[in-house]
PDB file of all heavy atoms in Angstrom:
ATOM      1  N   SER A   1      -7.546  -7.523   1.456  1.00  0.00           N
ATOM      2  CA  SER A   1      -8.589  -6.516   1.213  1.00  0.00           C
ATOM      3  C   SER A   1      -9.665  -6.577   2.290  1.00  0.00           C
ATOM      4  O   SER A   1     -10.121  -5.540   2.798  1.00  0.00           O
ATOM      5  CB  SER A   1      -9.205  -6.734  -0.169  1.00  0.00           C
ATOM      6  OG  SER A   1      -8.251  -6.550  -1.194  1.00  0.00           O
ATOM      7  N   LEU A   2     -10.077  -7.770   2.641  1.00  0.00           N
ATOM      8  CA  LEU A   2     -11.107  -7.930   3.669  1.00  0.00           C
ATOM      9  C   LEU A   2     -10.611  -7.469   5.036  1.00  0.00           C
ATOM     10  O   LEU A   2     -11.354  -6.834   5.789  1.00  0.00           O
ATOM     11  CB  LEU A   2     -11.564  -9.378   3.733  1.00  0.00           C
ATOM     12  CG  LEU A   2     -12.579  -9.797   2.672  1.00  0.00           C
ATOM     13  CD1 LEU A   2     -12.672 -11.309   2.574  1.00  0.00           C
ATOM     14  CD2 LEU A   2     -13.943  -9.180   2.968  1.00  0.00           C
ATOM     15  N   LEU A   3      -9.375  -7.754   5.361  1.00  0.00           N
ATOM     16  CA  LEU A   3      -8.842  -7.325   6.654  1.00  0.00           C
ATOM     17  C   LEU A   3      -8.851  -5.807   6.757  1.00  0.00           C
ATOM     18  O   LEU A   3      -9.181  -5.246   7.811  1.00  0.00           O
ATOM     19  CB  LEU A   3      -7.421  -7.863   6.839  1.00  0.00           C
ATOM     20  CG  LEU A   3      -7.300  -9.383   6.982  1.00  0.00           C
ATOM     21  CD1 LEU A   3      -5.845  -9.784   7.143  1.00  0.00           C
ATOM     22  CD2 LEU A   3      -8.128  -9.886   8.147  1.00  0.00           C
ATOM     23  N   ILE A   4      -8.492  -5.140   5.676  1.00  0.00           N
ATOM     24  CA  ILE A   4      -8.534  -3.674   5.678  1.00  0.00           C
ATOM     25  C   ILE A   4      -9.968  -3.178   5.875  1.00  0.00           C
ATOM     26  O   ILE A   4     -10.221  -2.260   6.654  1.00  0.00           O
ATOM     27  CB  ILE A   4      -7.933  -3.122   4.377  1.00  0.00           C
ATOM     28  CG1 ILE A   4      -6.416  -3.356   4.359  1.00  0.00           C
ATOM     29  CG2 ILE A   4      -8.244  -1.631   4.215  1.00  0.00           C
ATOM     30  CD1 ILE A   4      -5.748  -2.974   3.058  1.00  0.00           C
ATOM     31  N   VAL A   5     -10.901  -3.787   5.177  1.00  0.00           N
ATOM     32  CA  VAL A   5     -12.312  -3.389   5.303  1.00  0.00           C
ATOM     33  C   VAL A   5     -12.791  -3.574   6.740  1.00  0.00           C
ATOM     34  O   VAL A   5     -13.440  -2.685   7.321  1.00  0.00           O
ATOM     35  CB  VAL A   5     -13.190  -4.200   4.338  1.00  0.00           C
ATOM     36  CG1 VAL A   5     -14.674  -3.999   4.650  1.00  0.00           C
ATOM     37  CG2 VAL A   5     -12.908  -3.784   2.903  1.00  0.00           C
ATOM     38  N   PHE A   6     -12.484  -4.708   7.339  1.00  0.00           N
ATOM     39  CA  PHE A   6     -12.922  -4.965   8.716  1.00  0.00           C
ATOM     40  C   PHE A   6     -12.338  -3.939   9.674  1.00  0.00           C
ATOM     41  O   PHE A   6     -13.017  -3.465  10.595  1.00  0.00           O
ATOM     42  CB  PHE A   6     -12.519  -6.377   9.145  1.00  0.00           C
ATOM     43  CG  PHE A   6     -13.306  -7.468   8.467  1.00  0.00           C
ATOM     44  CD1 PHE A   6     -12.749  -8.719   8.279  1.00  0.00           C
ATOM     45  CD2 PHE A   6     -14.590  -7.242   8.005  1.00  0.00           C
ATOM     46  CE1 PHE A   6     -13.467  -9.728   7.653  1.00  0.00           C
ATOM     47  CE2 PHE A   6     -15.315  -8.239   7.371  1.00  0.00           C
ATOM     48  CZ  PHE A   6     -14.754  -9.488   7.217  1.00  0.00           C
ATOM     49  N   HIS A   7     -11.070  -3.592   9.498  1.00  0.00           N
ATOM     50  CA  HIS A   7     -10.440  -2.626  10.385  1.00  0.00           C
ATOM     51  C   HIS A   7     -10.993  -1.217  10.187  1.00  0.00           C
ATOM     52  O   HIS A   7     -11.051  -0.429  11.138  1.00  0.00           O
ATOM     53  CB  HIS A   7      -8.926  -2.627  10.176  1.00  0.00           C
ATOM     54  CG  HIS A   7      -8.269  -3.889  10.626  1.00  0.00           C
ATOM     55  ND1 HIS A   7      -7.009  -4.274  10.218  1.00  0.00           N
ATOM     56  CD2 HIS A   7      -8.691  -4.882  11.450  1.00  0.00           C
ATOM     57  CE1 HIS A   7      -6.697  -5.434  10.770  1.00  0.00           C
ATOM     58  NE2 HIS A   7      -7.696  -5.819  11.520  1.00  0.00           N
ATOM     59  N   LEU A   8     -11.379  -0.885   8.973  1.00  0.00           N
ATOM     60  CA  LEU A   8     -11.878   0.463   8.699  1.00  0.00           C
ATOM     61  C   LEU A   8     -13.357   0.634   9.053  1.00  0.00           C
ATOM     62  O   LEU A   8     -13.907   1.725   8.890  1.00  0.00           O
ATOM     63  CB  LEU A   8     -11.663   0.814   7.221  1.00  0.00           C
ATOM     64  CG  LEU A   8     -10.205   1.023   6.793  1.00  0.00           C
ATOM     65  CD1 LEU A   8     -10.125   1.417   5.324  1.00  0.00           C
ATOM     66  CD2 LEU A   8      -9.521   2.067   7.670  1.00  0.00           C
ATOM     67  N   ARG A   9     -13.991  -0.416   9.518  1.00  0.00           N
ATOM     68  CA  ARG A   9     -15.386  -0.249   9.966  1.00  0.00           C
ATOM     69  C   ARG A   9     -15.455   0.668  11.168  1.00  0.00           C
ATOM     70  O   ARG A   9     -16.460   1.343  11.391  1.00  0.00           O
ATOM     71  CB  ARG A   9     -15.978  -1.610  10.335  1.00  0.00           C
ATOM     72  CG  ARG A   9     -16.374  -2.447   9.153  1.00  0.00           C
ATOM     73  CD  ARG A   9     -17.225  -3.608   9.604  1.00  0.00           C
ATOM     74  NE  ARG A   9     -16.529  -4.456  10.566  1.00  0.00           N
ATOM     75  CZ  ARG A   9     -17.109  -5.386  11.312  1.00  0.00           C
ATOM     76  NH1 ARG A   9     -18.423  -5.554  11.213  1.00  0.00           N
ATOM     77  NH2 ARG A   9     -16.429  -6.132  12.144  1.00  0.00           N
ATOM     78  N   HIS A  10     -14.415   0.690  11.978  1.00  0.00           N
ATOM     79  CA  HIS A  10     -14.389   1.490  13.197  1.00  0.00           C
ATOM     80  C   HIS A  10     -13.372   2.616  13.031  1.00  0.00           C
ATOM     81  O   HIS A  10     -12.221   2.384  12.646  1.00  0.00           O
ATOM     82  CB  HIS A  10     -14.019   0.621  14.393  1.00  0.00           C
ATOM     83  CG  HIS A  10     -14.813  -0.647  14.489  1.00  0.00           C
ATOM     84  ND1 HIS A  10     -16.143  -0.667  14.790  1.00  0.00           N
ATOM     85  CD2 HIS A  10     -14.453  -1.952  14.278  1.00  0.00           C
ATOM     86  CE1 HIS A  10     -16.594  -1.920  14.784  1.00  0.00           C
ATOM     87  NE2 HIS A  10     -15.583  -2.718  14.468  1.00  0.00           N
ATOM     88  N   ASP A  11     -13.788   3.837  13.282  1.00  0.00           N
ATOM     89  CA  ASP A  11     -12.931   5.020  13.172  1.00  0.00           C
ATOM     90  C   ASP A  11     -12.238   5.068  11.806  1.00  0.00           C
ATOM     91  O   ASP A  11     -11.010   5.127  11.718  1.00  0.00           O
ATOM     92  CB  ASP A  11     -11.884   5.013  14.298  1.00  0.00           C
ATOM     93  CG  ASP A  11     -11.181   6.345  14.443  1.00  0.00           C
ATOM     94  OD1 ASP A  11     -11.694   7.345  13.911  1.00  0.00           O
ATOM     95  OD2 ASP A  11     -10.097   6.374  15.065  1.00  0.00           O
ATOM     96  N   PRO A  12     -13.006   5.058  10.728  1.00  0.00           N
ATOM     97  CA  PRO A  12     -12.398   4.933   9.391  1.00  0.00           C
ATOM     98  C   PRO A  12     -11.511   6.099   9.000  1.00  0.00           C
ATOM     99  O   PRO A  12     -10.521   5.909   8.302  1.00  0.00           O
ATOM    100  CB  PRO A  12     -13.617   4.818   8.458  1.00  0.00           C
ATOM    101  CG  PRO A  12     -14.743   5.424   9.224  1.00  0.00           C
ATOM    102  CD  PRO A  12     -14.459   5.120  10.664  1.00  0.00           C
ATOM    103  N   GLU A  13     -11.851   7.325   9.442  1.00  0.00           N
ATOM    104  CA  GLU A  13     -11.041   8.472   9.012  1.00  0.00           C
ATOM    105  C   GLU A  13      -9.626   8.375   9.541  1.00  0.00           C
ATOM    106  O   GLU A  13      -8.652   8.497   8.789  1.00  0.00           O
ATOM    107  CB  GLU A  13     -11.707   9.770   9.465  1.00  0.00           C
ATOM    108  CG  GLU A  13     -13.025  10.063   8.765  1.00  0.00           C
ATOM    109  CD  GLU A  13     -13.578  11.409   9.158  1.00  0.00           C
ATOM    110  OE1 GLU A  13     -12.800  12.346   9.353  1.00  0.00           O
ATOM    111  OE2 GLU A  13     -14.810  11.530   9.278  1.00  0.00           O
ATOM    112  N   ALA A  14      -9.465   8.169  10.846  1.00  0.00           N
ATOM    113  CA  ALA A  14      -8.123   8.091  11.434  1.00  0.00           C
ATOM    114  C   ALA A  14      -7.380   6.855  10.943  1.00  0.00           C
ATOM    115  O   ALA A  14      -6.191   6.924  10.595  1.00  0.00           O
ATOM    116  CB  ALA A  14      -8.228   8.083  12.958  1.00  0.00           C
ATOM    117  N   ARG A  15      -8.059   5.727  10.913  1.00  0.00           N
ATOM    118  CA  ARG A  15      -7.392   4.493  10.494  1.00  0.00           C
ATOM    119  C   ARG A  15      -7.009   4.533   9.020  1.00  0.00           C
ATOM    120  O   ARG A  15      -5.976   4.004   8.626  1.00  0.00           O
ATOM    121  CB  ARG A  15      -8.294   3.294  10.772  1.00  0.00           C
ATOM    122  CG  ARG A  15      -8.412   2.939  12.235  1.00  0.00           C
ATOM    123  CD  ARG A  15      -9.057   1.588  12.430  1.00  0.00           C
ATOM    124  NE  ARG A  15      -8.981   1.164  13.828  1.00  0.00           N
ATOM    125  CZ  ARG A  15      -9.208  -0.080  14.240  1.00  0.00           C
ATOM    126  NH1 ARG A  15      -9.508  -1.011  13.360  1.00  0.00           N
ATOM    127  NH2 ARG A  15      -9.127  -0.394  15.511  1.00  0.00           N
ATOM    128  N   ALA A  16      -7.848   5.161   8.207  1.00  0.00           N
ATOM    129  CA  ALA A  16      -7.552   5.235   6.771  1.00  0.00           C
ATOM    130  C   ALA A  16      -6.257   5.993   6.527  1.00  0.00           C
ATOM    131  O   ALA A  16      -5.436   5.601   5.698  1.00  0.00           O
ATOM    132  CB  ALA A  16      -8.707   5.901   6.024  1.00  0.00           C
ATOM    133  N   MET A  17      -6.045   7.074   7.250  1.00  0.00           N
ATOM    134  CA  MET A  17      -4.813   7.837   7.077  1.00  0.00           C
ATOM    135  C   MET A  17      -3.593   7.033   7.511  1.00  0.00           C
ATOM    136  O   MET A  17      -2.538   7.097   6.872  1.00  0.00           O
ATOM    137  CB  MET A  17      -4.895   9.160   7.855  1.00  0.00           C
ATOM    138  CG  MET A  17      -5.998  10.087   7.360  1.00  0.00           C
ATOM    139  SD  MET A  17      -5.948  10.366   5.571  1.00  0.00           S
ATOM    140  CE  MET A  17      -4.377  11.221   5.410  1.00  0.00           C
ATOM    141  N   ARG A  18      -3.730   6.276   8.575  1.00  0.00           N
ATOM    142  CA  ARG A  18      -2.611   5.424   9.004  1.00  0.00           C
ATOM    143  C   ARG A  18      -2.333   4.353   7.959  1.00  0.00           C
ATOM    144  O   ARG A  18      -1.169   4.062   7.633  1.00  0.00           O
ATOM    145  CB  ARG A  18      -2.920   4.791  10.364  1.00  0.00           C
ATOM    146  CG  ARG A  18      -2.909   5.760  11.527  1.00  0.00           C
ATOM    147  CD  ARG A  18      -2.795   5.027  12.847  1.00  0.00           C
ATOM    148  NE  ARG A  18      -3.951   4.180  13.112  1.00  0.00           N
ATOM    149  CZ  ARG A  18      -5.038   4.573  13.756  1.00  0.00           C
ATOM    150  NH1 ARG A  18      -5.144   5.822  14.184  1.00  0.00           N
ATOM    151  NH2 ARG A  18      -6.030   3.730  13.979  1.00  0.00           N
ATOM    152  N   TYR A  19      -3.379   3.730   7.466  1.00  0.00           N
ATOM    153  CA  TYR A  19      -3.218   2.714   6.424  1.00  0.00           C
ATOM    154  C   TYR A  19      -2.536   3.302   5.196  1.00  0.00           C
ATOM    155  O   TYR A  19      -1.616   2.699   4.623  1.00  0.00           O
ATOM    156  CB  TYR A  19      -4.574   2.129   6.029  1.00  0.00           C
ATOM    157  CG  TYR A  19      -4.932   0.848   6.734  1.00  0.00           C
ATOM    158  CD1 TYR A  19      -5.989   0.797   7.619  1.00  0.00           C
ATOM    159  CD2 TYR A  19      -4.207  -0.317   6.504  1.00  0.00           C
ATOM    160  CE1 TYR A  19      -6.337  -0.380   8.272  1.00  0.00           C
ATOM    161  CE2 TYR A  19      -4.539  -1.498   7.139  1.00  0.00           C
ATOM    162  CZ  TYR A  19      -5.605  -1.522   8.028  1.00  0.00           C
ATOM    163  OH  TYR A  19      -5.921  -2.692   8.667  1.00  0.00           O
ATOM    164  N   LEU A  20      -3.004   4.457   4.762  1.00  0.00           N
ATOM    165  CA  LEU A  20      -2.429   5.077   3.572  1.00  0.00           C
ATOM    166  C   LEU A  20      -0.947   5.366   3.760  1.00  0.00           C
ATOM    167  O   LEU A  20      -0.137   5.116   2.860  1.00  0.00           O
ATOM    168  CB  LEU A  20      -3.179   6.373   3.228  1.00  0.00           C
ATOM    169  CG  LEU A  20      -4.513   6.211   2.518  1.00  0.00           C
ATOM    170  CD1 LEU A  20      -5.184   7.568   2.348  1.00  0.00           C
ATOM    171  CD2 LEU A  20      -4.316   5.544   1.162  1.00  0.00           C
ATOM    172  N   GLY A  21      -0.592   5.895   4.924  1.00  0.00           N
ATOM    173  CA  GLY A  21       0.808   6.187   5.181  1.00  0.00           C
ATOM    174  C   GLY A  21       1.675   4.939   5.102  1.00  0.00           C
ATOM    175  O   GLY A  21       2.740   4.941   4.461  1.00  0.00           O
ATOM    176  N   LEU A  22       1.227   3.864   5.735  1.00  0.00           N
ATOM    177  CA  LEU A  22       2.009   2.626   5.739  1.00  0.00           C
ATOM    178  C   LEU A  22       2.059   1.973   4.353  1.00  0.00           C
ATOM    179  O   LEU A  22       3.133   1.546   3.892  1.00  0.00           O
ATOM    180  CB  LEU A  22       1.411   1.642   6.746  1.00  0.00           C
ATOM    181  CG  LEU A  22       1.595   2.010   8.231  1.00  0.00           C
ATOM    182  CD1 LEU A  22       0.720   1.142   9.107  1.00  0.00           C
ATOM    183  CD2 LEU A  22       3.063   1.869   8.633  1.00  0.00           C
ATOM    184  N   LEU A  23       0.911   1.909   3.691  1.00  0.00           N
ATOM    185  CA  LEU A  23       0.874   1.270   2.378  1.00  0.00           C
ATOM    186  C   LEU A  23       1.704   2.034   1.358  1.00  0.00           C
ATOM    187  O   LEU A  23       2.444   1.424   0.554  1.00  0.00           O
ATOM    188  CB  LEU A  23      -0.570   1.160   1.888  1.00  0.00           C
ATOM    189  CG  LEU A  23      -1.453   0.124   2.597  1.00  0.00           C
ATOM    190  CD1 LEU A  23      -2.918   0.323   2.234  1.00  0.00           C
ATOM    191  CD2 LEU A  23      -1.008  -1.294   2.251  1.00  0.00           C
ATOM    192  N   LEU A  24       1.614   3.353   1.364  1.00  0.00           N
ATOM    193  CA  LEU A  24       2.354   4.149   0.387  1.00  0.00           C
ATOM    194  C   LEU A  24       3.853   4.155   0.698  1.00  0.00           C
ATOM    195  O   LEU A  24       4.684   4.127  -0.222  1.00  0.00           O
ATOM    196  CB  LEU A  24       1.807   5.575   0.346  1.00  0.00           C
ATOM    197  CG  LEU A  24       0.376   5.697  -0.202  1.00  0.00           C
ATOM    198  CD1 LEU A  24      -0.105   7.137  -0.133  1.00  0.00           C
ATOM    199  CD2 LEU A  24       0.294   5.169  -1.643  1.00  0.00           C
ATOM    200  N   PHE A  25       4.215   4.181   1.972  1.00  0.00           N
ATOM    201  CA  PHE A  25       5.635   4.178   2.335  1.00  0.00           C
ATOM    202  C   PHE A  25       6.300   2.868   1.930  1.00  0.00           C
ATOM    203  O   PHE A  25       7.298   2.851   1.181  1.00  0.00           O
ATOM    204  CB  PHE A  25       5.816   4.416   3.833  1.00  0.00           C
ATOM    205  CG  PHE A  25       7.244   4.321   4.277  1.00  0.00           C
ATOM    206  CD1 PHE A  25       8.133   5.358   4.046  1.00  0.00           C
ATOM    207  CD2 PHE A  25       7.700   3.186   4.935  1.00  0.00           C
ATOM    208  CE1 PHE A  25       9.456   5.257   4.447  1.00  0.00           C
ATOM    209  CE2 PHE A  25       9.023   3.085   5.346  1.00  0.00           C
ATOM    210  CZ  PHE A  25       9.906   4.128   5.102  1.00  0.00           C
ATOM    211  N   TRP A  26       5.745   1.761   2.385  1.00  0.00           N
ATOM    212  CA  TRP A  26       6.355   0.463   2.093  1.00  0.00           C
ATOM    213  C   TRP A  26       6.160   0.063   0.631  1.00  0.00           C
ATOM    214  O   TRP A  26       7.024  -0.577   0.026  1.00  0.00           O
ATOM    215  CB  TRP A  26       5.811  -0.607   3.020  1.00  0.00           C
ATOM    216  CG  TRP A  26       6.247  -0.411   4.433  1.00  0.00           C
ATOM    217  CD1 TRP A  26       5.505   0.050   5.474  1.00  0.00           C
ATOM    218  CD2 TRP A  26       7.559  -0.638   4.965  1.00  0.00           C
ATOM    219  NE1 TRP A  26       6.252   0.122   6.615  1.00  0.00           N
ATOM    220  CE2 TRP A  26       7.530  -0.291   6.339  1.00  0.00           C
ATOM    221  CE3 TRP A  26       8.762  -1.085   4.420  1.00  0.00           C
ATOM    222  CZ2 TRP A  26       8.641  -0.398   7.158  1.00  0.00           C
ATOM    223  CZ3 TRP A  26       9.877  -1.209   5.235  1.00  0.00           C
ATOM    224  CH2 TRP A  26       9.811  -0.850   6.579  1.00  0.00           C
ATOM    225  N   GLY A  27       5.027   0.466   0.057  1.00  0.00           N
ATOM    226  CA  GLY A  27       4.831   0.224  -1.365  1.00  0.00           C
ATOM    227  C   GLY A  27       5.802   1.019  -2.208  1.00  0.00           C
ATOM    228  O   GLY A  27       6.287   0.532  -3.242  1.00  0.00           O
ATOM    229  N   GLY A  28       6.116   2.244  -1.787  1.00  0.00           N
ATOM    230  CA  GLY A  28       7.097   3.046  -2.504  1.00  0.00           C
ATOM    231  C   GLY A  28       8.485   2.428  -2.444  1.00  0.00           C
ATOM    232  O   GLY A  28       9.223   2.424  -3.439  1.00  0.00           O
ATOM    233  N   LEU A  29       8.849   1.882  -1.280  1.00  0.00           N
ATOM    234  CA  LEU A  29      10.137   1.198  -1.164  1.00  0.00           C
ATOM    235  C   LEU A  29      10.199  -0.044  -2.052  1.00  0.00           C
ATOM    236  O   LEU A  29      11.242  -0.389  -2.608  1.00  0.00           O
ATOM    237  CB  LEU A  29      10.405   0.800   0.295  1.00  0.00           C
ATOM    238  CG  LEU A  29      10.696   1.918   1.300  1.00  0.00           C
ATOM    239  CD1 LEU A  29      10.938   1.340   2.675  1.00  0.00           C
ATOM    240  CD2 LEU A  29      11.921   2.734   0.855  1.00  0.00           C
ATOM    241  N   ALA A  30       9.059  -0.714  -2.168  1.00  0.00           N
ATOM    242  CA  ALA A  30       9.016  -1.962  -2.943  1.00  0.00           C
ATOM    243  C   ALA A  30       8.962  -1.725  -4.445  1.00  0.00           C
ATOM    244  O   ALA A  30       9.315  -2.618  -5.217  1.00  0.00           O
ATOM    245  CB  ALA A  30       7.805  -2.793  -2.524  1.00  0.00           C
ATOM    246  N   GLN A  31       8.540  -0.533  -4.890  1.00  0.00           N
ATOM    247  CA  GLN A  31       8.276  -0.320  -6.299  1.00  0.00           C
ATOM    248  C   GLN A  31       9.481  -0.565  -7.211  1.00  0.00           C
ATOM    249  O   GLN A  31       9.353  -1.236  -8.238  1.00  0.00           O
ATOM    250  CB  GLN A  31       7.713   1.087  -6.525  1.00  0.00           C
ATOM    251  CG  GLN A  31       7.257   1.363  -7.949  1.00  0.00           C
ATOM    252  CD  GLN A  31       6.149   0.432  -8.413  1.00  0.00           C
ATOM    253  OE1 GLN A  31       5.378  -0.075  -7.601  1.00  0.00           O
ATOM    254  NE2 GLN A  31       6.052   0.210  -9.711  1.00  0.00           N
ATOM    255  N   PRO A  32      10.678  -0.052  -6.905  1.00  0.00           N
ATOM    256  CA  PRO A  32      11.824  -0.355  -7.787  1.00  0.00           C
ATOM    257  C   PRO A  32      12.136  -1.843  -7.878  1.00  0.00           C
ATOM    258  O   PRO A  32      12.460  -2.355  -8.955  1.00  0.00           O
ATOM    259  CB  PRO A  32      12.983   0.430  -7.144  1.00  0.00           C
ATOM    260  CG  PRO A  32      12.317   1.486  -6.334  1.00  0.00           C
ATOM    261  CD  PRO A  32      11.053   0.878  -5.830  1.00  0.00           C
ATOM    262  N   VAL A  33      12.036  -2.543  -6.741  1.00  0.00           N
ATOM    263  CA  VAL A  33      12.296  -3.983  -6.741  1.00  0.00           C
ATOM    264  C   VAL A  33      11.213  -4.700  -7.541  1.00  0.00           C
ATOM    265  O   VAL A  33      11.499  -5.612  -8.326  1.00  0.00           O
ATOM    266  CB  VAL A  33      12.343  -4.520  -5.301  1.00  0.00           C
ATOM    267  CG1 VAL A  33      12.657  -6.021  -5.288  1.00  0.00           C
ATOM    268  CG2 VAL A  33      13.365  -3.759  -4.483  1.00  0.00           C
ATOM    269  N   TYR A  34       9.978  -4.295  -7.356  1.00  0.00           N
ATOM    270  CA  TYR A  34       8.851  -4.860  -8.111  1.00  0.00           C
ATOM    271  C   TYR A  34       9.076  -4.696  -9.602  1.00  0.00           C
ATOM    272  O   TYR A  34       8.858  -5.626 -10.391  1.00  0.00           O
ATOM    273  CB  TYR A  34       7.576  -4.161  -7.654  1.00  0.00           C
ATOM    274  CG  TYR A  34       6.317  -4.538  -8.399  1.00  0.00           C
ATOM    275  CD1 TYR A  34       5.594  -5.678  -8.059  1.00  0.00           C
ATOM    276  CD2 TYR A  34       5.826  -3.741  -9.429  1.00  0.00           C
ATOM    277  CE1 TYR A  34       4.429  -6.020  -8.725  1.00  0.00           C
ATOM    278  CE2 TYR A  34       4.667  -4.064 -10.098  1.00  0.00           C
ATOM    279  CZ  TYR A  34       3.971  -5.205  -9.748  1.00  0.00           C
ATOM    280  OH  TYR A  34       2.820  -5.526 -10.417  1.00  0.00           O
ATOM    281  N   ALA A  35       9.519  -3.503 -10.023  1.00  0.00           N
ATOM    282  CA  ALA A  35       9.764  -3.247 -11.443  1.00  0.00           C
ATOM    283  C   ALA A  35      10.907  -4.107 -11.971  1.00  0.00           C
ATOM    284  O   ALA A  35      10.842  -4.624 -13.090  1.00  0.00           O
ATOM    285  CB  ALA A  35      10.069  -1.765 -11.649  1.00  0.00           C
ATOM    286  N   LEU A  36      11.942  -4.292 -11.185  1.00  0.00           N
ATOM    287  CA  LEU A  36      13.062  -5.127 -11.606  1.00  0.00           C
ATOM    288  C   LEU A  36      12.657  -6.593 -11.737  1.00  0.00           C
ATOM    289  O   LEU A  36      13.122  -7.301 -12.629  1.00  0.00           O
ATOM    290  CB  LEU A  36      14.224  -4.985 -10.620  1.00  0.00           C
ATOM    291  CG  LEU A  36      15.129  -3.764 -10.795  1.00  0.00           C
ATOM    292  CD1 LEU A  36      16.104  -3.668  -9.634  1.00  0.00           C
ATOM    293  CD2 LEU A  36      15.875  -3.838 -12.119  1.00  0.00           C
ATOM    294  N   LEU A  37      11.802  -7.055 -10.827  1.00  0.00           N
ATOM    295  CA  LEU A  37      11.346  -8.446 -10.918  1.00  0.00           C
ATOM    296  C   LEU A  37      10.573  -8.686 -12.210  1.00  0.00           C
ATOM    297  O   LEU A  37      10.637  -9.766 -12.793  1.00  0.00           O
ATOM    298  CB  LEU A  37      10.465  -8.784  -9.715  1.00  0.00           C
ATOM    299  CG  LEU A  37      11.176  -9.246  -8.439  1.00  0.00           C
ATOM    300  CD1 LEU A  37      10.179  -9.412  -7.314  1.00  0.00           C
ATOM    301  CD2 LEU A  37      11.937 -10.534  -8.670  1.00  0.00           C
ATOM    302  N   LEU A  38       9.837  -7.667 -12.653  1.00  0.00           N
ATOM    303  CA  LEU A  38       9.116  -7.801 -13.916  1.00  0.00           C
ATOM    304  C   LEU A  38      10.042  -7.693 -15.116  1.00  0.00           C
ATOM    305  O   LEU A  38       9.647  -7.950 -16.245  1.00  0.00           O
ATOM    306  CB  LEU A  38       8.020  -6.735 -14.019  1.00  0.00           C
ATOM    307  CG  LEU A  38       6.871  -6.870 -13.021  1.00  0.00           C
ATOM    308  CD1 LEU A  38       5.889  -5.725 -13.204  1.00  0.00           C
ATOM    309  CD2 LEU A  38       6.159  -8.196 -13.198  1.00  0.00           C
ATOM    310  N   ALA A  39      11.269  -7.242 -14.866  1.00  0.00           N
ATOM    311  CA  ALA A  39      12.342  -7.212 -15.858  1.00  0.00           C
ATOM    312  C   ALA A  39      12.221  -6.107 -16.895  1.00  0.00           C
ATOM    313  O   ALA A  39      13.179  -5.768 -17.552  1.00  0.00           O
ATOM    314  CB  ALA A  39      12.473  -8.562 -16.586  1.00  0.00           C
ATOM    315  N   ASP A  40      11.046  -5.533 -17.056  1.00  0.00           N
ATOM    316  CA  ASP A  40      10.866  -4.514 -18.078  1.00  0.00           C
ATOM    317  C   ASP A  40      10.907  -3.099 -17.526  1.00  0.00           C
ATOM    318  O   ASP A  40      10.683  -2.143 -18.261  1.00  0.00           O
ATOM    319  CB  ASP A  40       9.506  -4.722 -18.780  1.00  0.00           C
ATOM    320  CG  ASP A  40       9.476  -6.032 -19.548  1.00  0.00           C
ATOM    321  OD1 ASP A  40      10.548  -6.518 -19.923  1.00  0.00           O
ATOM    322  OD2 ASP A  40       8.362  -6.558 -19.748  1.00  0.00           O
ATOM    323  N   TRP A  41      11.156  -2.966 -16.243  1.00  0.00           N
ATOM    324  CA  TRP A  41      11.145  -1.652 -15.590  1.00  0.00           C
ATOM    325  C   TRP A  41       9.836  -0.923 -15.858  1.00  0.00           C
ATOM    326  O   TRP A  41       9.808   0.238 -16.242  1.00  0.00           O
ATOM    327  CB  TRP A  41      12.340  -0.808 -16.036  1.00  0.00           C
ATOM    328  CG  TRP A  41      13.502  -0.972 -15.123  1.00  0.00           C
ATOM    329  CD1 TRP A  41      14.569  -1.791 -15.320  1.00  0.00           C
ATOM    330  CD2 TRP A  41      13.696  -0.365 -13.850  1.00  0.00           C
ATOM    331  NE1 TRP A  41      15.418  -1.737 -14.248  1.00  0.00           N
ATOM    332  CE2 TRP A  41      14.908  -0.858 -13.333  1.00  0.00           C
ATOM    333  CE3 TRP A  41      12.959   0.545 -13.085  1.00  0.00           C
ATOM    334  CZ2 TRP A  41      15.417  -0.458 -12.098  1.00  0.00           C
ATOM    335  CZ3 TRP A  41      13.465   0.940 -11.852  1.00  0.00           C
ATOM    336  CH2 TRP A  41      14.675   0.435 -11.381  1.00  0.00           C
ATOM    337  N   HIS A  42       8.734  -1.646 -15.664  1.00  0.00           N
ATOM    338  CA  HIS A  42       7.406  -1.043 -15.824  1.00  0.00           C
ATOM    339  C   HIS A  42       7.079  -0.211 -14.589  1.00  0.00           C
ATOM    340  O   HIS A  42       6.259  -0.573 -13.765  1.00  0.00           O
ATOM    341  CB  HIS A  42       6.342  -2.124 -16.014  1.00  0.00           C
ATOM    342  CG  HIS A  42       6.340  -2.728 -17.374  1.00  0.00           C
ATOM    343  ND1 HIS A  42       6.663  -2.011 -18.502  1.00  0.00           N
ATOM    344  CD2 HIS A  42       6.040  -3.977 -17.799  1.00  0.00           C
ATOM    345  CE1 HIS A  42       6.568  -2.792 -19.561  1.00  0.00           C
ATOM    346  NE2 HIS A  42       6.199  -3.989 -19.166  1.00  0.00           N
ATOM    347  N   LEU A  43       7.701   0.946 -14.464  1.00  0.00           N
ATOM    348  CA  LEU A  43       7.466   1.781 -13.302  1.00  0.00           C
ATOM    349  C   LEU A  43       6.048   2.350 -13.292  1.00  0.00           C
ATOM    350  O   LEU A  43       5.561   2.811 -12.271  1.00  0.00           O
ATOM    351  CB  LEU A  43       8.485   2.926 -13.254  1.00  0.00           C
ATOM    352  CG  LEU A  43       9.927   2.496 -12.961  1.00  0.00           C
ATOM    353  CD1 LEU A  43      10.851   3.691 -13.031  1.00  0.00           C
ATOM    354  CD2 LEU A  43      10.024   1.834 -11.597  1.00  0.00           C
ATOM    355  N   TRP A  44       5.403   2.317 -14.432  1.00  0.00           N
ATOM    356  CA  TRP A  44       4.030   2.826 -14.498  1.00  0.00           C
ATOM    357  C   TRP A  44       3.023   1.828 -13.942  1.00  0.00           C
ATOM    358  O   TRP A  44       1.867   2.167 -13.703  1.00  0.00           O
ATOM    359  CB  TRP A  44       3.652   3.166 -15.944  1.00  0.00           C
ATOM    360  CG  TRP A  44       3.844   2.015 -16.896  1.00  0.00           C
ATOM    361  CD1 TRP A  44       4.944   1.740 -17.637  1.00  0.00           C
ATOM    362  CD2 TRP A  44       2.913   0.960 -17.169  1.00  0.00           C
ATOM    363  NE1 TRP A  44       4.766   0.593 -18.368  1.00  0.00           N
ATOM    364  CE2 TRP A  44       3.524   0.101 -18.109  1.00  0.00           C
ATOM    365  CE3 TRP A  44       1.625   0.680 -16.735  1.00  0.00           C
ATOM    366  CZ2 TRP A  44       2.886  -1.039 -18.609  1.00  0.00           C
ATOM    367  CZ3 TRP A  44       0.991  -0.458 -17.233  1.00  0.00           C
ATOM    368  CH2 TRP A  44       1.626  -1.294 -18.165  1.00  0.00           C
TER     369      TRP A  44
END
């Protein structure tokens, strides 16, 4: 969390969009595996 804050101190608009794209893309790929690890398929 702190690393993201430090990076967004400079040019936050452009960097925020890049961060969002990366976090949502890789987080989306991880979500089914994350749900399976919890065993209950808590996709919510």
